[in-house]
Amino acid sequence: MDLRRKLTVFAALATLGAAAACGGSGSSGDKSGGTVTLSFWNGFTGGDRPGVEHLVDEFNRSHPKIHLNMQIMPWDVFYQKLLPAYGAGKGPDMTAMSSNQVAQYAAKRVFQPLDDAFSTGLDKSKIVPGALQAGRYAGKQYGLPANFTPLLLYYNKKLFKQAGIAAPPANWDEWIADLKKLTKGKGPGGKPAQYGLTMGTHETVEGIPILLAGQGGGVIADDGKTVTLDGPQSIQAMTTWTNLVRTNHVMPVGTSGADADKLMQSGDAAMEINGPWLTSSLEQSKIDYGLAMVPAGPAAQTTLSDSVQFSLGSRATGAKKKAAEEFFSYWNSRDSQIYFANTTGFPPTRTDIGASDLKNPNVAVFAKYAPKAVPFLPGQTKFAQMQSEVIDPGFEKILNGQGDPATVLKQSAGQLRTLLSGS
């Protein structure tokens, strides 16, 4: 599944009102012939669909007293239908959605906390920590992982060899040197014919905040309240990378996630930070690529994650809640996660699955670094607004030379504080 579809559902959620607090469809004891039926909506329409369908079918087969009635639809249709359905009291019992959307629904009491799942079969200690952090809101677990992946550094082995670079960069000093060496030639409009790095700065998973974190900076602190975007470390990181972009032209500016991918697929960029959904298109384009952890910055080596999370409607109580908890445990079991990883290319959500269990060495690399990945702004009810109206435009303004990092980051930080104060 392409996880880039960042949808601005916050406006619709603001009008959802009290009706949505009624949550999912049916009563808590809705049964048919002694079977508990759970309606389940998601947007797994991509290459992961067969794996999802297989696991749901196997769950239904192995749990004759529970039936998941799954509806798969495109993600844009999913979000368009979801709010009206919940508002009418006819929403699904279960959903799977991007982790950065969960808090918005939880705040409206559309979803219920899932902490009880940890005492009914789901072993919390075996789940990648970031996969749980991604589903938390207001100190409670409103989402449980359907998938979870770190964002890693893809690099073009052919271009590296041509430039005399033997291995992917391990730290910023090596990375910066490699980026300069790999940016070359003249293309249309005086732009480089080959970029050292391509990274989407809108309509995509976030990459720039990884650079801020490498310097010890960030956007909002782990407490979910303290804005760090205009802190000295964030300004220093943004200044370093802006100079590389403006002076050395190592990366295109104002690129969407899809356009960034095209540069990597065509061999016109040597590196990209992205998730496992990029692998199939690179293989189709016959790009000989490698995967590595994002190079260590002066303060830290870390990366961001992307995740889809299961949630449960607030009306799915009693037998339905117990049935859902059974499914969450089944999905995140060792056998299920080995199957899902080997089928979809996503790393397992568990920490006790090693490389020997994984058929694809690329999946093993993603799994290796999953514990280092953290979700971007988890638990923020206004995530979409923060991203589309403040964070991305601010980064692009700086990289385009329309304002110095300190000034623009201060302005963006002020906007974030205003949004947080109104949460």
Foldseek 3Di string as FASTA:
>chain_A
DAQLQQDQCLVVLVPLPPLLLLAAADFQPDADPQAAEFEEEEAPPDLLVVLVVVLQVVLCVVCVRYHYRYDHDHPVVVSVPQSVCSSNRHHTQKYKFWLQQQLQSVVSNNFDFLVCLCVQFAPPVFFQVQQQLSQDAPRTRQWHFLFKWFWWKKFFPVLCVVLVHDDDAAADVSLLVQQLSSFAPADPPRATQAAQEEEALPSGPDDLQQQLVLQVFGAADPVLARGGLLPPSNQVSLQVVLCCCVPRVRYDFNHHRVRSLVCVLQVRYGMYTGTQVSVVSNVVSVGDMDIDQDHHHPRGGATAMITITMGGGSSNDDPSSSSVSVSSSSCLDPVNQLSSCQSRVGAHRTLPDAPVSHPDVSSRNRSVRRSRHHHHSRNDSSVSCLSPPARSVLSSCCSVVVDRSNVSSVVSSVVVNVSSVVD
